[in-house]
Protein backbone atom coordinates (compact mmCIF):
# COMPACT_ATOMS: atom_id res chain seq x y z
CA MET A 1 51.97 -52.03 -12.63
CA LYS A 2 48.69 -50.17 -13.25
CA MET A 3 48.73 -46.75 -14.85
CA ARG A 4 46.60 -43.98 -13.34
CA TYR A 5 44.05 -42.72 -15.80
CA SER A 6 43.88 -39.00 -16.55
CA PRO A 7 41.75 -36.87 -18.94
CA GLY A 8 44.87 -36.19 -20.99
CA MET A 9 45.03 -39.87 -21.84
CA ALA A 10 41.48 -39.97 -23.14
CA GLY A 11 40.98 -41.17 -26.67
CA PRO A 12 39.68 -38.94 -29.47
CA ARG A 13 36.10 -40.07 -28.82
CA GLN A 14 36.27 -39.37 -25.05
CA ARG A 15 37.99 -36.01 -25.26
CA PRO A 16 34.82 -34.04 -26.26
CA ILE A 17 33.00 -35.55 -23.27
CA TRP A 18 35.72 -34.32 -20.89
CA ILE A 19 35.74 -30.88 -22.52
CA ALA A 20 31.95 -30.65 -22.17
CA ALA A 21 32.16 -31.70 -18.51
CA ILE A 22 34.78 -29.04 -17.83
CA ILE A 23 32.66 -26.37 -19.55
CA ILE A 24 29.57 -27.37 -17.56
CA ALA A 25 31.53 -27.34 -14.28
CA ALA A 26 32.95 -23.90 -15.09
CA ALA A 27 29.52 -22.55 -16.02
CA TRP A 28 28.07 -23.93 -12.79
CA GLY A 29 30.86 -22.30 -10.82
CA PHE A 30 30.30 -18.91 -12.47
CA SER A 31 26.55 -19.21 -11.94
CA THR A 32 26.98 -20.02 -8.25
CA ALA A 33 29.44 -17.17 -7.79
CA GLY A 34 27.03 -14.79 -9.52
CA TYR A 35 24.15 -15.92 -7.32
CA LEU A 36 26.17 -15.45 -4.15
CA ALA A 37 27.36 -12.03 -5.30
CA ALA A 38 23.81 -10.94 -6.09
CA LYS A 39 22.58 -12.28 -2.75
CA ASN A 40 25.26 -10.43 -0.83
CA SER A 41 24.63 -7.18 -2.69
CA ARG A 42 20.84 -7.32 -2.30
CA MET A 43 19.43 -4.66 -0.01
CA THR A 44 17.62 -5.92 3.09
CA ALA A 45 15.86 -4.31 6.04
CA GLU A 46 18.84 -5.23 8.23
CA LYS A 47 21.28 -3.54 5.88
CA LEU A 48 19.05 -0.50 5.83
CA ARG A 49 19.01 -0.49 9.63
CA ALA A 50 22.81 -0.72 9.73
CA PHE A 51 23.10 2.26 7.39
CA ALA A 52 20.59 4.32 9.39
CA GLN A 53 22.45 3.60 12.61
CA SER A 54 25.84 4.38 11.09
CA VAL A 55 24.98 7.98 10.17
CA GLU A 56 24.29 10.87 12.53
CA LEU A 57 21.97 13.01 10.43
CA GLY A 58 21.98 15.81 13.01
CA LYS A 59 25.71 16.30 12.47
CA LEU A 60 25.35 16.76 8.70
CA SER A 61 24.42 19.86 6.75
CA GLY A 62 24.28 21.12 3.20
CA GLU A 63 25.11 18.72 0.38
CA ALA A 64 26.30 15.99 2.75
CA ARG A 65 22.96 15.99 4.55
CA ALA A 66 20.96 16.00 1.31
CA LYS A 67 23.08 13.14 -0.04
CA ALA A 68 22.59 11.07 3.12
CA ILE A 69 18.81 11.47 2.92
CA GLY A 70 18.91 10.64 -0.78
CA ASP A 71 20.99 7.51 -0.06
CA LEU A 72 18.48 6.42 2.57
CA ALA A 73 15.63 6.87 0.08
CA ASP A 74 17.51 4.91 -2.60
CA LYS A 75 18.19 2.04 -0.21
CA LEU A 76 14.55 1.92 0.84
CA ASN A 77 13.46 1.86 -2.79
CA SER A 78 15.87 -1.03 -3.45
CA LEU A 79 14.08 -3.31 -0.99
CA SER A 80 11.84 -6.15 -2.11
CA PRO A 81 8.12 -5.70 -1.26
CA GLU A 82 8.45 -7.99 1.76
CA GLU A 83 11.59 -6.31 3.10
CA ARG A 84 10.07 -2.90 2.42
CA ARG A 85 7.01 -3.76 4.51
CA ARG A 86 9.27 -4.99 7.30
CA ALA A 87 11.30 -1.78 7.19
CA ARG A 88 8.11 0.29 7.28
CA LEU A 89 6.69 -1.60 10.26
CA GLU A 90 9.98 -1.43 12.14
CA ARG A 91 10.27 2.29 11.34
CA ILE A 92 13.97 1.83 10.82
CA TRP A 93 14.56 5.44 9.80
CA GLN A 94 12.34 7.02 12.47
CA ARG A 95 15.26 8.79 14.16
CA TRP A 96 16.22 10.36 10.85
CA PHE A 97 12.66 11.42 10.12
CA ASP A 98 12.31 13.08 13.52
CA GLU A 99 15.40 15.17 12.75
CA MET A 100 14.33 16.21 9.25
CA THR A 101 12.87 19.59 8.41
CA GLU A 102 9.34 19.72 7.01
CA GLU A 103 10.75 20.23 3.53
CA GLU A 104 13.10 17.27 3.91
CA LYS A 105 10.25 15.09 5.17
CA ALA A 106 8.09 15.99 2.17
CA THR A 107 10.95 15.28 -0.24
CA PHE A 108 11.75 11.95 1.43
CA ILE A 109 8.12 10.82 1.34
CA ASP A 110 7.71 11.75 -2.33
CA ALA A 111 10.96 9.96 -3.19
CA THR A 112 9.97 6.74 -1.41
CA MET A 113 6.40 6.32 -2.57
CA PRO A 114 6.25 3.10 -4.63
CA THR A 115 5.61 3.04 -8.36
CA GLY A 116 1.90 3.06 -9.10
CA PHE A 117 1.03 4.80 -5.85
CA LYS A 118 -0.94 7.59 -7.53
CA GLN A 119 -2.83 5.02 -9.55
CA MET A 120 -3.79 3.25 -6.33
CA LEU A 121 -5.08 6.52 -4.85
CA ALA A 122 -7.19 7.17 -7.95
CA SER A 123 -8.55 3.60 -7.96
CA PHE A 124 -9.46 3.82 -4.27
CA GLU A 125 -11.23 7.13 -4.98
CA GLN A 126 -13.51 5.43 -7.50
CA MET A 127 -14.58 2.63 -5.18
CA PRO A 128 -17.95 2.65 -3.38
CA GLU A 129 -17.79 3.73 0.26
CA GLU A 130 -18.52 0.24 1.58
CA ARG A 131 -15.73 -1.26 -0.56
CA ARG A 132 -13.34 1.40 0.73
CA ARG A 133 -14.18 0.49 4.30
CA SER A 134 -13.67 -3.20 3.57
CA ALA A 135 -10.32 -2.54 1.85
CA ILE A 136 -9.01 -0.52 4.80
CA GLY A 137 -10.10 -3.21 7.26
CA ASP A 138 -8.41 -5.90 5.18
CA ALA A 139 -5.18 -3.89 4.89
CA MET A 140 -5.10 -3.19 8.64
CA ARG A 141 -5.62 -6.87 9.40
CA ARG A 142 -2.73 -7.85 7.13
CA LEU A 143 -0.49 -5.24 8.71
CA LYS A 144 -1.23 -6.61 12.18
CA GLU A 145 -0.46 -10.13 10.97
CA ALA A 146 2.84 -8.94 9.52
CA GLN A 147 3.66 -7.06 12.72
CA ALA A 148 2.96 -10.16 14.80
CA GLU A 149 5.36 -12.12 12.61
CA VAL A 150 8.05 -9.46 13.04
CA SER A 151 7.57 -9.58 16.80
CA ARG A 152 7.84 -13.38 16.87
CA GLU A 153 11.17 -13.16 15.06
CA GLY A 154 12.52 -10.95 17.84
CA THR A 155 13.23 -7.93 15.67
CA PRO A 156 14.72 -5.06 17.70
CA PRO A 157 12.28 -2.19 18.28
CA ALA A 158 12.52 1.05 16.39
CA GLU A 159 14.80 3.70 17.86
CA SER A 160 11.77 5.83 18.65
CA GLY A 161 10.66 3.16 21.10
CA THR A 162 7.86 1.50 19.14
CA ASN A 163 7.48 -0.36 15.91
CA GLN A 164 3.74 -0.87 16.01
CA PRO A 165 1.73 -0.34 12.82
CA PRO A 166 -0.20 2.91 12.62
CA ALA A 167 -3.40 2.85 14.65
CA LEU A 168 -6.27 4.36 12.72
CA SER A 169 -8.97 5.73 14.95
CA PRO A 170 -12.59 5.07 13.91
CA GLU A 171 -12.88 8.80 13.13
CA LEU A 172 -9.85 8.72 10.84
CA GLN A 173 -11.03 5.57 9.09
CA GLN A 174 -14.42 7.17 8.55
CA LYS A 175 -12.80 10.28 7.09
CA ILE A 176 -10.67 8.28 4.67
CA THR A 177 -13.67 6.20 3.69
CA LYS A 178 -15.84 9.22 2.98
CA ILE A 179 -13.48 11.67 1.27
CA GLY A 180 -11.15 9.11 -0.31
CA LEU A 181 -7.43 8.52 0.07
CA LYS A 182 -6.41 10.95 -2.65
CA THR A 183 -8.07 13.90 -0.96
CA PHE A 184 -7.02 12.79 2.53
CA TYR A 185 -3.41 12.27 1.45
CA GLY A 186 -3.29 15.63 -0.29
CA GLU A 187 -4.50 17.42 2.85
CA SER A 188 -2.24 15.56 5.30
CA SER A 189 1.00 16.77 6.85
CA ALA A 190 4.31 15.04 6.14
CA GLN A 191 4.15 13.44 9.59
CA THR A 192 0.70 11.96 8.95
CA LYS A 193 1.77 10.69 5.54
CA ALA A 194 4.71 8.92 7.12
CA GLU A 195 2.53 7.36 9.81
CA ILE A 196 0.01 5.96 7.35
CA ALA A 197 2.60 4.91 4.74
CA PRO A 198 2.49 1.22 5.82
CA LEU A 199 -1.29 1.24 5.39
CA LEU A 200 -1.10 2.93 1.99
CA GLU A 201 1.47 0.46 0.71
CA GLU A 202 -0.57 -2.45 2.04
CA LEU A 203 -3.60 -1.11 0.19
CA GLN A 204 -1.51 -0.97 -2.97
CA ARG A 205 -0.37 -4.57 -2.47
CA THR A 206 -4.02 -5.56 -2.04
CA MET A 207 -5.00 -3.69 -5.19
CA GLU A 208 -2.19 -5.23 -7.26
CA SER A 209 -3.17 -8.73 -6.13
CA GLY A 210 -6.79 -8.09 -7.11
CA ARG A 211 -8.13 -8.65 -3.59
CA MET A 212 -9.31 -5.06 -3.31
CA PHE A 213 -11.66 -5.50 -6.26
CA ARG A 214 -12.84 -8.95 -5.18
CA GLY A 215 -13.77 -7.54 -1.80
CA GLY A 216 -11.94 -10.14 0.26
CA ARG A 217 -8.79 -12.15 0.93
């Protein structure tokens, strides 16, 4: 009759091998569990949309209202660059923004501007006019490409009825090109800042990649 082999029957020389195998398997299990936990806890544009749709900002006031807006800002800031661009293009929080006071809009915009934003404005200010024009054109082209991808994926439209990227008129582009983003941004209303936020963040992405200073893609 044959005896079934088990790790407990391993000889002194084999026992360390089994112990090592068990340790490796346990480490792999913990690593996989950690990865899945991190993946599930990661903020996405869809999770941001679910949060925005779950709260009726118009029914809140005082500290509860301020906290809700602060939570929305924190969730937006937790997005990866790609998810953040998607959320911007889809205007996930448009209904909230429409219901905010001017002071709340200004606070929300300041709280959600990405790190290095002021540096981007200053860098754009120092560029020659022709390079500014080229950078804006490149950023707008990339936004349209990203918007086309979002549309192909069948993303639901923003609650305001449109999720198209901001359309810059030739006059507005000329103004930004001539006076610079820093001056234009400083003189703009909260509504205008929100509308051009996707463009500004795309310009920052272009600057950080070095494309803005190379003058091309």
